[in-house]
Protein backbone atom coordinates (compact mmCIF):
# COMPACT_ATOMS: atom_id res chain seq x y z
CA MET A 1 -65.03 -74.83 -64.79
CA GLN A 2 -65.34 -77.30 -67.69
CA LEU A 3 -63.76 -79.99 -65.52
CA ALA A 4 -66.38 -79.44 -62.81
CA ILE A 5 -69.20 -79.65 -65.38
CA ARG A 6 -67.78 -82.90 -66.80
CA ARG A 7 -67.55 -84.39 -63.30
CA SER A 8 -71.16 -83.40 -62.64
CA PHE A 9 -72.30 -85.18 -65.80
CA ARG A 10 -70.41 -88.30 -64.77
CA ALA A 11 -72.41 -88.41 -61.56
CA VAL A 12 -75.75 -88.28 -63.41
CA PRO A 13 -75.86 -92.01 -64.44
CA ALA A 14 -75.11 -93.10 -60.86
CA LEU A 15 -77.78 -90.77 -59.50
CA LEU A 16 -80.34 -92.03 -62.01
CA ALA A 17 -79.53 -95.64 -61.12
CA LEU A 18 -80.01 -94.87 -57.42
CA VAL A 19 -83.37 -93.18 -58.06
CA ALA A 20 -84.53 -96.14 -60.16
CA TRP A 21 -83.46 -98.59 -57.44
CA ALA A 22 -84.95 -96.60 -54.51
CA PRO A 23 -88.40 -98.32 -54.55
CA ALA A 24 -86.68 -101.67 -54.00
CA LEU A 25 -85.15 -100.28 -50.80
CA GLN A 26 -88.52 -99.31 -49.35
CA ALA A 27 -90.50 -101.72 -47.19
CA GLN A 28 -92.54 -104.14 -49.26
CA ASP A 29 -96.09 -105.09 -48.29
CA THR A 30 -95.98 -108.60 -46.83
CA ALA A 31 -99.24 -109.73 -48.44
CA GLN A 32 -98.06 -108.63 -51.87
CA VAL A 33 -94.58 -110.13 -51.75
CA ASN A 34 -95.47 -113.32 -49.85
CA PRO A 35 -98.68 -114.66 -51.42
CA HIS A 36 -97.31 -118.21 -50.96
CA ILE A 37 -97.47 -117.73 -47.17
CA VAL A 38 -99.74 -114.74 -46.36
CA THR A 39 -103.51 -114.43 -46.91
CA VAL A 40 -105.49 -111.26 -46.15
CA LEU A 41 -108.59 -112.30 -44.17
CA PHE A 42 -110.08 -108.89 -43.40
CA GLU A 43 -109.28 -105.25 -44.03
CA ASN A 44 -110.87 -101.92 -43.21
CA ALA A 45 -109.68 -98.35 -42.61
CA LEU A 46 -108.21 -99.22 -39.20
CA VAL A 47 -106.77 -102.74 -39.41
CA ARG A 48 -105.74 -105.53 -41.73
CA VAL A 49 -105.95 -109.14 -40.50
CA MET A 50 -103.72 -111.69 -42.20
CA GLU A 51 -103.11 -115.39 -41.79
CA VAL A 52 -99.55 -116.62 -42.15
CA ILE A 53 -99.11 -120.33 -42.84
CA SER A 54 -95.44 -121.26 -43.10
CA LYS A 55 -94.35 -124.82 -43.79
CA PRO A 56 -90.93 -126.13 -42.73
CA GLY A 57 -88.32 -124.53 -44.97
CA ASP A 58 -90.56 -121.69 -46.19
CA VAL A 59 -88.72 -118.40 -46.59
CA GLU A 60 -90.53 -115.06 -46.69
CA ASN A 61 -89.46 -112.36 -49.09
CA TRP A 62 -88.18 -109.13 -47.53
CA HIS A 63 -91.07 -106.99 -46.28
CA GLY A 64 -92.18 -104.52 -43.63
CA HIS A 65 -95.15 -103.88 -41.34
CA PRO A 66 -96.84 -100.93 -39.69
CA ALA A 67 -97.46 -101.48 -35.96
CA TYR A 68 -98.93 -104.95 -35.59
CA PHE A 69 -100.09 -107.68 -33.26
CA ALA A 70 -99.25 -111.37 -33.78
CA TYR A 71 -101.23 -114.29 -32.35
CA VAL A 72 -99.72 -117.79 -32.63
CA VAL A 73 -102.29 -120.42 -33.60
CA ARG A 74 -99.79 -123.19 -34.40
CA GLY A 75 -96.24 -122.88 -33.07
CA GLY A 76 -92.81 -123.73 -34.38
CA ARG A 77 -89.29 -122.38 -34.76
CA LEU A 78 -88.91 -119.14 -36.69
CA GLN A 79 -85.73 -117.40 -37.78
CA ILE A 80 -85.87 -113.62 -38.32
CA GLU A 81 -83.37 -111.60 -40.34
CA ALA A 82 -83.27 -107.81 -40.43
CA PRO A 83 -80.65 -105.57 -42.08
CA GLY A 84 -78.03 -104.42 -39.60
CA GLU A 85 -79.21 -106.83 -36.88
CA GLU A 86 -78.10 -110.23 -35.73
CA THR A 87 -80.18 -113.12 -37.10
CA ARG A 88 -82.35 -114.55 -34.31
CA GLN A 89 -84.44 -117.68 -33.81
CA PHE A 90 -87.65 -117.91 -31.78
CA ASP A 91 -89.76 -120.79 -30.52
CA LEU A 92 -93.35 -119.70 -31.10
CA LYS A 93 -95.86 -121.22 -28.67
CA VAL A 94 -99.59 -121.75 -29.24
CA GLY A 95 -101.54 -118.83 -27.74
CA GLN A 96 -98.51 -116.55 -27.61
CA ASN A 97 -99.28 -112.97 -28.57
CA ILE A 98 -96.83 -110.24 -29.40
CA ALA A 99 -97.38 -106.50 -29.98
CA LEU A 100 -94.76 -104.94 -32.24
CA ASN A 101 -94.03 -101.42 -33.41
CA PRO A 102 -93.45 -100.82 -37.12
CA VAL A 103 -90.81 -102.98 -38.77
CA GLU A 104 -89.12 -101.41 -41.77
CA ARG A 105 -87.64 -104.54 -43.35
CA HIS A 106 -87.24 -108.17 -42.32
CA ARG A 107 -87.93 -111.72 -43.40
CA GLY A 108 -88.70 -114.94 -41.63
CA THR A 109 -87.74 -118.54 -42.31
CA ASN A 110 -89.48 -121.57 -40.82
CA VAL A 111 -86.45 -123.47 -39.52
CA GLY A 112 -88.48 -125.97 -37.49
CA GLN A 113 -90.22 -129.26 -38.22
CA THR A 114 -93.82 -128.00 -37.94
CA THR A 115 -96.10 -125.79 -40.00
CA ILE A 116 -96.43 -122.42 -38.27
CA ARG A 117 -99.77 -120.56 -38.30
CA VAL A 118 -99.89 -116.97 -37.08
CA LEU A 119 -102.58 -114.31 -37.30
CA LEU A 120 -101.27 -110.79 -37.85
CA VAL A 121 -103.33 -107.69 -37.19
CA GLU A 122 -101.70 -104.60 -38.66
CA LEU A 123 -102.79 -101.23 -37.28
CA LYS A 124 -103.04 -98.61 -39.98
CA THR A 125 -102.36 -95.74 -37.56
CA GLY A 126 -100.16 -95.28 -34.53
CA GLN A 127 -97.74 -97.55 -32.74
CA MET A 128 -98.08 -100.18 -30.06
CA ALA A 129 -96.05 -99.61 -26.91
CA GLY A 130 -95.50 -95.96 -26.09
CA GLY A 131 -96.98 -94.80 -29.40
CA ASP A 132 -100.13 -93.15 -30.62
CA ALA A 133 -102.46 -96.15 -30.77
CA PRO A 134 -105.12 -95.95 -28.06
CA GLU A 135 -105.29 -98.94 -25.75
CA ASP A 136 -108.69 -99.95 -27.16
CA SER A 137 -107.11 -100.30 -30.64
CA ILE A 138 -104.64 -102.82 -29.28
CA GLU A 139 -107.40 -104.70 -27.45
CA ALA A 140 -109.51 -104.68 -30.61
CA ALA A 141 -106.60 -106.09 -32.62
CA GLN A 142 -106.11 -108.86 -30.05
CA ALA A 143 -109.82 -109.69 -30.05
CA ILE A 144 -109.91 -109.84 -33.86
CA ALA A 145 -106.92 -112.17 -33.95
CA ARG A 146 -108.40 -114.48 -31.31
CA ALA A 147 -111.77 -114.53 -33.08
CA PHE A 148 -110.21 -115.50 -36.38
CA ALA A 149 -108.11 -118.16 -34.65
CA ILE A 150 -111.16 -119.72 -33.03
CA THR A 151 -113.38 -119.67 -36.11
CA ARG A 152 -110.93 -121.01 -38.66
């Protein structure tokens, strides 16, 4: 019995360390951890619109997103890393738009020769494809992104 109690007490420091480290494992807000690249342009109860300006060589800190829509204003070559997945590279084209379901954790690196500019519209509820977000929410997100792209 005493041996079992001693073993339990040995596990306490490891458990406390894990609990203290747990927030670092959770998805980080991209605007908070990437202020050198991301600017919040607009936010309300339904959406948040952000501008991402990434110069060649810029590396984002690890972060996550709720369901979101991306609109490419200025293209380039982007590398995306995500835990447990193969690192991939994408050629972003001007006018390209992408609807994405929530991303728990990833980071991007501008591996090209041009400055990339993307508008992100995060939905605060639901998902994109096959999820809860009504079609008009997706259309609204696309319209917001295009409007910001045209006016800036």
